[in-house]
Every structure is written in structure tokens, then in C-alpha cells.
Amino acid sequence: MKKSTNQTIENPIQENPIQERPIQQRLKYASCITVESAIRNKVNLNISWYDVHGDEQSQQYSLAAGTVIEL
């Protein structure tokens, strides 16, 4: 009995992937900054901004205790 050797390779298509940027650059263009959680010396932030097309984008960041950011 022969086994089929036909395999399909799937390439996931990403729609407008968000480019990873340092938090200081995201803060410059932020429209909304939300503290998602602050537990055990770690703060999780959600930063939202509007791109050049007027669409709202967001990215999450985790900051360790003692991290200094400028707003």
C-alpha cells in the first residue's frame, strides 16, 4: 500500500501586522494608555494610537518594578 506524498503548505497571511516599537516611541503618539494590571512588581500597559490611515491600533507592554518612562 502506498502512502500519499502530497502535502499542502499553508502560509498564514497577516493583515497589517503591528510593528514592534520601543515603549517611548509608542507613548509619543498614544491616544489612550490603560493600566491592565499591576501585580508582583510588574505593570501591564495597553497603549492605543491612531495610524496614518486613521485606524486605531494598540500594543501591550510589560514593565518591571522600578522602570522609568517619560510621558
N, C-alpha and C. Protein backbone atom coordinates (compact mmCIF):
# COMPACT_ATOMS: atom_id res chain seq x y z
N MET A 1 0.85 -1.18 0.00
CA MET A 1 0.00 0.00 0.00
C MET A 1 0.89 1.25 0.00
N LYS A 2 0.64 2.19 -0.91
CA LYS A 2 1.42 3.42 -1.00
C LYS A 2 0.78 4.52 -0.16
N LYS A 3 1.64 5.31 0.43
CA LYS A 3 1.15 6.47 1.17
C LYS A 3 1.21 7.69 0.26
N SER A 4 0.27 8.54 0.41
CA SER A 4 0.24 9.76 -0.38
C SER A 4 1.34 10.70 0.09
N THR A 5 2.08 11.25 -0.86
CA THR A 5 3.16 12.18 -0.50
C THR A 5 2.77 13.63 -0.76
N ASN A 6 1.54 13.85 -1.14
CA ASN A 6 1.08 15.23 -1.38
C ASN A 6 0.83 15.92 -0.04
N GLN A 7 1.52 17.02 0.15
CA GLN A 7 1.34 17.81 1.36
C GLN A 7 1.06 19.25 0.97
N THR A 8 0.20 19.86 1.70
CA THR A 8 -0.08 21.27 1.44
C THR A 8 0.64 22.10 2.48
N ILE A 9 1.25 23.13 2.01
CA ILE A 9 1.95 24.05 2.91
C ILE A 9 1.10 25.30 3.02
N GLU A 10 0.75 25.61 4.26
CA GLU A 10 -0.09 26.78 4.49
C GLU A 10 0.78 27.93 4.98
N ASN A 11 0.62 29.06 4.37
CA ASN A 11 1.30 30.27 4.80
C ASN A 11 0.27 31.21 5.38
N PRO A 12 0.32 31.42 6.69
CA PRO A 12 -0.66 32.35 7.26
C PRO A 12 -0.44 33.77 6.75
N ILE A 13 -1.51 34.41 6.41
CA ILE A 13 -1.45 35.79 5.92
C ILE A 13 -1.83 36.71 7.07
N GLN A 14 -0.93 37.63 7.37
CA GLN A 14 -1.19 38.58 8.43
C GLN A 14 -1.67 39.89 7.81
N GLU A 15 -2.75 40.40 8.33
CA GLU A 15 -3.26 41.67 7.84
C GLU A 15 -2.68 42.80 8.68
N ASN A 16 -1.90 43.65 8.04
CA ASN A 16 -1.31 44.81 8.69
C ASN A 16 -0.72 44.48 10.06
N PRO A 17 0.36 43.71 10.11
CA PRO A 17 0.95 43.39 11.41
C PRO A 17 1.48 44.66 12.07
N ILE A 18 1.31 44.75 13.36
CA ILE A 18 1.79 45.91 14.12
C ILE A 18 3.28 45.76 14.29
N GLN A 19 4.00 46.77 13.89
CA GLN A 19 5.44 46.74 14.02
C GLN A 19 5.82 47.02 15.47
N GLU A 20 6.66 46.15 16.03
CA GLU A 20 7.09 46.31 17.41
C GLU A 20 7.96 47.55 17.53
N ARG A 21 7.63 48.41 18.45
CA ARG A 21 8.40 49.64 18.69
C ARG A 21 8.69 49.75 20.17
N PRO A 22 9.75 50.46 20.53
CA PRO A 22 10.02 50.71 21.95
C PRO A 22 8.89 51.53 22.57
N ILE A 23 8.67 51.33 23.85
CA ILE A 23 7.55 51.99 24.53
C ILE A 23 7.63 53.51 24.43
N GLN A 24 8.84 54.09 24.47
CA GLN A 24 8.95 55.55 24.41
C GLN A 24 8.42 56.10 23.09
N GLN A 25 8.61 55.39 21.99
CA GLN A 25 8.07 55.84 20.71
C GLN A 25 6.55 55.72 20.68
N ARG A 26 6.01 54.65 21.26
CA ARG A 26 4.55 54.48 21.29
C ARG A 26 3.89 55.55 22.17
N LEU A 27 4.56 55.93 23.25
CA LEU A 27 3.99 56.94 24.14
C LEU A 27 3.87 58.30 23.47
N LYS A 28 4.75 58.60 22.54
CA LYS A 28 4.69 59.89 21.83
C LYS A 28 3.39 60.06 21.07
N TYR A 29 2.87 58.96 20.51
CA TYR A 29 1.68 59.02 19.67
C TYR A 29 0.44 58.42 20.32
N ALA A 30 0.52 58.14 21.62
CA ALA A 30 -0.58 57.46 22.31
C ALA A 30 -1.82 58.34 22.39
N SER A 31 -2.96 57.71 22.12
CA SER A 31 -4.25 58.38 22.31
C SER A 31 -4.88 57.93 23.63
N CYS A 32 -4.48 56.75 24.10
CA CYS A 32 -5.02 56.21 25.35
C CYS A 32 -3.99 55.25 25.95
N ILE A 33 -3.73 55.39 27.24
CA ILE A 33 -2.84 54.48 27.96
C ILE A 33 -3.64 53.87 29.10
N THR A 34 -3.75 52.54 29.11
CA THR A 34 -4.54 51.84 30.11
C THR A 34 -3.65 50.90 30.90
N VAL A 35 -3.78 50.96 32.24
CA VAL A 35 -3.07 50.01 33.09
C VAL A 35 -3.95 48.77 33.18
N GLU A 36 -3.50 47.68 32.56
CA GLU A 36 -4.27 46.44 32.55
C GLU A 36 -4.18 45.73 33.90
N SER A 37 -2.97 45.68 34.46
CA SER A 37 -2.79 45.05 35.77
C SER A 37 -1.48 45.52 36.38
N ALA A 38 -1.40 45.44 37.69
CA ALA A 38 -0.19 45.77 38.44
C ALA A 38 -0.06 44.74 39.56
N ILE A 39 0.66 43.67 39.25
CA ILE A 39 0.78 42.55 40.18
C ILE A 39 2.24 42.12 40.30
N ARG A 40 2.69 41.89 41.51
CA ARG A 40 4.02 41.32 41.78
C ARG A 40 5.14 42.00 41.03
N ASN A 41 5.34 43.25 41.27
CA ASN A 41 6.44 44.01 40.68
C ASN A 41 6.41 44.07 39.16
N LYS A 42 5.23 43.97 38.59
CA LYS A 42 5.08 44.02 37.13
C LYS A 42 3.82 44.80 36.78
N VAL A 43 3.94 45.72 35.85
CA VAL A 43 2.80 46.52 35.40
C VAL A 43 2.58 46.22 33.92
N ASN A 44 1.34 45.91 33.55
CA ASN A 44 0.99 45.66 32.16
C ASN A 44 0.20 46.86 31.64
N LEU A 45 0.70 47.46 30.56
CA LEU A 45 0.06 48.62 29.95
C LEU A 45 -0.46 48.26 28.57
N ASN A 46 -1.57 48.88 28.20
CA ASN A 46 -2.10 48.78 26.84
C ASN A 46 -2.07 50.19 26.27
N ILE A 47 -1.29 50.38 25.21
CA ILE A 47 -1.13 51.70 24.60
C ILE A 47 -1.85 51.69 23.25
N SER A 48 -2.75 52.65 23.07
CA SER A 48 -3.51 52.78 21.81
C SER A 48 -3.11 54.06 21.10
N TRP A 49 -3.12 54.02 19.76
CA TRP A 49 -2.81 55.18 18.94
C TRP A 49 -3.53 55.04 17.61
N TYR A 50 -3.55 56.12 16.85
CA TYR A 50 -4.16 56.11 15.52
C TYR A 50 -3.05 56.11 14.48
N ASP A 51 -3.15 55.21 13.49
CA ASP A 51 -2.14 55.14 12.44
C ASP A 51 -2.42 56.19 11.38
N VAL A 52 -1.59 56.21 10.33
CA VAL A 52 -1.71 57.23 9.28
C VAL A 52 -3.01 57.14 8.50
N HIS A 53 -3.71 56.01 8.59
CA HIS A 53 -4.98 55.82 7.90
C HIS A 53 -6.17 56.15 8.80
N GLY A 54 -5.91 56.54 10.04
CA GLY A 54 -6.98 56.87 10.97
C GLY A 54 -7.54 55.66 11.71
N ASP A 55 -6.91 54.50 11.55
CA ASP A 55 -7.36 53.29 12.25
C ASP A 55 -6.70 53.20 13.61
N GLU A 56 -7.48 52.81 14.62
CA GLU A 56 -6.91 52.67 15.97
C GLU A 56 -6.13 51.37 16.07
N GLN A 57 -4.94 51.47 16.62
CA GLN A 57 -4.06 50.33 16.85
C GLN A 57 -3.75 50.28 18.34
N SER A 58 -3.32 49.11 18.83
CA SER A 58 -2.91 49.03 20.23
C SER A 58 -1.84 47.97 20.39
N GLN A 59 -1.06 48.12 21.44
CA GLN A 59 0.01 47.17 21.73
C GLN A 59 0.15 47.10 23.24
N GLN A 60 0.47 45.91 23.75
CA GLN A 60 0.64 45.73 25.19
C GLN A 60 2.11 45.67 25.55
N TYR A 61 2.43 46.23 26.72
CA TYR A 61 3.78 46.24 27.24
C TYR A 61 3.76 45.77 28.69
N SER A 62 4.82 45.09 29.10
CA SER A 62 5.00 44.69 30.49
C SER A 62 6.23 45.42 31.01
N LEU A 63 6.07 46.10 32.13
CA LEU A 63 7.18 46.84 32.72
C LEU A 63 7.51 46.26 34.09
N ALA A 64 8.79 46.12 34.37
CA ALA A 64 9.23 45.63 35.67
C ALA A 64 9.21 46.77 36.67
N ALA A 65 9.16 46.42 37.95
CA ALA A 65 9.17 47.42 39.02
C ALA A 65 10.44 48.25 38.90
N GLY A 66 10.31 49.56 39.08
CA GLY A 66 11.44 50.45 39.02
C GLY A 66 11.73 51.01 37.63
N THR A 67 11.01 50.56 36.62
CA THR A 67 11.18 51.08 35.26
C THR A 67 10.66 52.50 35.20
N VAL A 68 11.43 53.39 34.60
CA VAL A 68 11.04 54.80 34.48
C VAL A 68 10.68 55.07 33.03
N ILE A 69 9.49 55.65 32.82
CA ILE A 69 9.07 56.07 31.49
C ILE A 69 8.68 57.53 31.56
N GLU A 70 8.91 58.26 30.48
CA GLU A 70 8.54 59.67 30.43
C GLU A 70 7.29 59.84 29.59
N LEU A 71 6.35 60.60 30.12
CA LEU A 71 5.11 60.87 29.39
C LEU A 71 5.13 62.27 28.82
